[in-house]
Amino acid sequence: MAWSIRDGDGFHICRALCAFGGENMTREEVETALNKIRPALQADGGNVELVALEGNVVKVKLTGACGGCPMSQMTLKMGIEKILKQEIPSVEAVESV
């Protein structure tokens, strides 16, 4: 399914909705995607916990060694968020709580 709108210059902007049933994501889908990431985090003594889904924003908590790591924001944005967006196209952002 897709929808389109016309912007001020007359160009069509189309957006394909994700394959997971529209724009809504489920905890199960997010947990499945996080399970693909966890082995790498656990290898370094850390982990990630799903805290909440707020709209298309995933809220997570980095635990273990990842919780206090100075590179945790890089792990969050360039690792976890990147993979979640690939796996679940409706994910707009991943935030740490």
C-alpha atoms as a PDB file:
ATOM      1  CA  MET A   1       0.000   0.000   0.000  1.00  0.00           C
ATOM      2  CA  ALA A   2       1.272   3.497  -0.711  1.00  0.00           C
ATOM      3  CA  TRP A   3      -0.014   7.030  -0.534  1.00  0.00           C
ATOM      4  CA  SER A   4       1.066  10.206  -2.184  1.00  0.00           C
ATOM      5  CA  ILE A   5       0.656  13.922  -1.669  1.00  0.00           C
ATOM      6  CA  ARG A   6       1.371  16.853  -3.925  1.00  0.00           C
ATOM      7  CA  ASP A   7       3.799  19.456  -2.643  1.00  0.00           C
ATOM      8  CA  GLY A   8       3.780  23.141  -3.576  1.00  0.00           C
ATOM      9  CA  ASP A   9       5.792  22.596  -6.772  1.00  0.00           C
ATOM     10  CA  GLY A  10       3.485  19.878  -8.050  1.00  0.00           C
ATOM     11  CA  PHE A  11       5.843  16.977  -7.451  1.00  0.00           C
ATOM     12  CA  HIS A  12       4.383  13.763  -6.142  1.00  0.00           C
ATOM     13  CA  ILE A  13       5.866  12.435  -2.934  1.00  0.00           C
ATOM     14  CA  CYS A  14       5.199   8.742  -2.495  1.00  0.00           C
ATOM     15  CA  ARG A  15       5.937   6.634   0.519  1.00  0.00           C
ATOM     16  CA  ALA A  16       5.612   2.863   0.643  1.00  0.00           C
ATOM     17  CA  LEU A  17       4.229   1.668   3.934  1.00  0.00           C
ATOM     18  CA  CYS A  18       6.165  -0.991   5.740  1.00  0.00           C
ATOM     19  CA  ALA A  19       5.545  -4.702   5.221  1.00  0.00           C
ATOM     20  CA  PHE A  20       4.534  -5.110   8.860  1.00  0.00           C
ATOM     21  CA  GLY A  21       0.909  -4.139   8.430  1.00  0.00           C
ATOM     22  CA  GLY A  22       0.918  -0.417   7.842  1.00  0.00           C
ATOM     23  CA  GLU A  23       2.746   2.060  10.006  1.00  0.00           C
ATOM     24  CA  ASN A  24       2.277   0.245  13.302  1.00  0.00           C
ATOM     25  CA  MET A  25       4.986  -1.953  14.729  1.00  0.00           C
ATOM     26  CA  THR A  26       4.617  -4.530  17.456  1.00  0.00           C
ATOM     27  CA  ARG A  27       6.782  -5.352  20.447  1.00  0.00           C
ATOM     28  CA  GLU A  28       7.295  -8.807  18.944  1.00  0.00           C
ATOM     29  CA  GLU A  29       8.709  -7.350  15.698  1.00  0.00           C
ATOM     30  CA  VAL A  30      11.047  -5.061  17.606  1.00  0.00           C
ATOM     31  CA  GLU A  31      12.184  -7.864  19.947  1.00  0.00           C
ATOM     32  CA  THR A  32      12.876 -10.087  16.914  1.00  0.00           C
ATOM     33  CA  ALA A  33      15.052  -7.371  15.378  1.00  0.00           C
ATOM     34  CA  LEU A  34      16.807  -6.697  18.708  1.00  0.00           C
ATOM     35  CA  ASN A  35      17.585 -10.413  19.001  1.00  0.00           C
ATOM     36  CA  LYS A  36      19.733 -10.034  15.868  1.00  0.00           C
ATOM     37  CA  ILE A  37      21.735  -7.283  17.582  1.00  0.00           C
ATOM     38  CA  ARG A  38      22.068  -8.791  21.055  1.00  0.00           C
ATOM     39  CA  PRO A  39      24.883 -11.295  20.340  1.00  0.00           C
ATOM     40  CA  ALA A  40      27.260  -8.489  19.350  1.00  0.00           C
ATOM     41  CA  LEU A  41      26.377  -6.474  22.447  1.00  0.00           C
ATOM     42  CA  GLN A  42      26.623  -9.505  24.714  1.00  0.00           C
ATOM     43  CA  ALA A  43      30.055 -10.346  23.307  1.00  0.00           C
ATOM     44  CA  ASP A  44      31.253  -7.052  24.832  1.00  0.00           C
ATOM     45  CA  GLY A  45      29.420  -7.571  28.138  1.00  0.00           C
ATOM     46  CA  GLY A  46      26.360  -5.477  27.324  1.00  0.00           C
ATOM     47  CA  ASN A  47      22.782  -5.850  26.202  1.00  0.00           C
ATOM     48  CA  VAL A  48      19.722  -3.868  25.118  1.00  0.00           C
ATOM     49  CA  GLU A  49      16.283  -3.871  26.735  1.00  0.00           C
ATOM     50  CA  LEU A  50      13.106  -2.732  24.987  1.00  0.00           C
ATOM     51  CA  VAL A  51      11.400  -0.217  27.275  1.00  0.00           C
ATOM     52  CA  ALA A  52       8.555   1.222  25.194  1.00  0.00           C
ATOM     53  CA  LEU A  53       7.125   1.934  21.782  1.00  0.00           C
ATOM     54  CA  GLU A  54       5.822   5.477  21.396  1.00  0.00           C
ATOM     55  CA  GLY A  55       4.375   5.953  17.945  1.00  0.00           C
ATOM     56  CA  ASN A  56       7.195   5.071  15.587  1.00  0.00           C
ATOM     57  CA  VAL A  57       9.903   5.715  18.186  1.00  0.00           C
ATOM     58  CA  VAL A  58      11.551   2.781  19.950  1.00  0.00           C
ATOM     59  CA  LYS A  59      12.745   3.458  23.507  1.00  0.00           C
ATOM     60  CA  VAL A  60      15.519   1.177  24.740  1.00  0.00           C
ATOM     61  CA  LYS A  61      17.878   0.887  27.678  1.00  0.00           C
ATOM     62  CA  LEU A  62      21.475  -0.161  27.175  1.00  0.00           C
ATOM     63  CA  THR A  63      22.577  -2.411  30.033  1.00  0.00           C
ATOM     64  CA  GLY A  64      25.740  -4.030  31.312  1.00  0.00           C
ATOM     65  CA  ALA A  65      28.972  -2.708  29.832  1.00  0.00           C
ATOM     66  CA  CYS A  66      26.977  -0.800  27.192  1.00  0.00           C
ATOM     67  CA  GLY A  67      25.145   1.227  29.832  1.00  0.00           C
ATOM     68  CA  GLY A  68      28.215   3.158  30.934  1.00  0.00           C
ATOM     69  CA  CYS A  69      30.237   3.009  27.740  1.00  0.00           C
ATOM     70  CA  PRO A  70      31.367   6.350  26.295  1.00  0.00           C
ATOM     71  CA  MET A  71      30.516   4.993  22.820  1.00  0.00           C
ATOM     72  CA  SER A  72      26.934   4.083  23.769  1.00  0.00           C
ATOM     73  CA  GLN A  73      25.367   6.832  21.609  1.00  0.00           C
ATOM     74  CA  MET A  74      27.327   5.570  18.609  1.00  0.00           C
ATOM     75  CA  THR A  75      26.133   2.030  19.348  1.00  0.00           C
ATOM     76  CA  LEU A  76      22.578   3.313  19.693  1.00  0.00           C
ATOM     77  CA  LYS A  77      22.423   5.382  16.491  1.00  0.00           C
ATOM     78  CA  MET A  78      24.847   3.662  14.119  1.00  0.00           C
ATOM     79  CA  GLY A  79      24.112   0.132  15.290  1.00  0.00           C
ATOM     80  CA  ILE A  80      20.762  -0.438  16.952  1.00  0.00           C
ATOM     81  CA  GLU A  81      18.794   2.307  15.173  1.00  0.00           C
ATOM     82  CA  LYS A  82      20.283   1.466  11.769  1.00  0.00           C
ATOM     83  CA  ILE A  83      19.400  -2.212  12.047  1.00  0.00           C
ATOM     84  CA  LEU A  84      15.915  -1.584  13.433  1.00  0.00           C
ATOM     85  CA  LYS A  85      15.170   0.813  10.569  1.00  0.00           C
ATOM     86  CA  GLN A  86      16.326  -1.823   8.069  1.00  0.00           C
ATOM     87  CA  GLU A  87      14.237  -4.544   9.673  1.00  0.00           C
ATOM     88  CA  ILE A  88      11.143  -2.418  10.414  1.00  0.00           C
ATOM     89  CA  PRO A  89      10.764   0.468   7.955  1.00  0.00           C
ATOM     90  CA  SER A  90       8.202   2.284  10.116  1.00  0.00           C
ATOM     91  CA  VAL A  91      10.818   2.920  12.838  1.00  0.00           C
ATOM     92  CA  GLU A  92      11.596   6.636  12.806  1.00  0.00           C
ATOM     93  CA  ALA A  93      14.056   6.767  15.696  1.00  0.00           C
ATOM     94  CA  VAL A  94      15.566   4.831  18.571  1.00  0.00           C
ATOM     95  CA  GLU A  95      16.087   6.659  21.863  1.00  0.00           C
ATOM     96  CA  SER A  96      17.869   5.660  25.036  1.00  0.00           C
ATOM     97  CA  VAL A  97      16.034   6.038  28.345  1.00  0.00           C
END
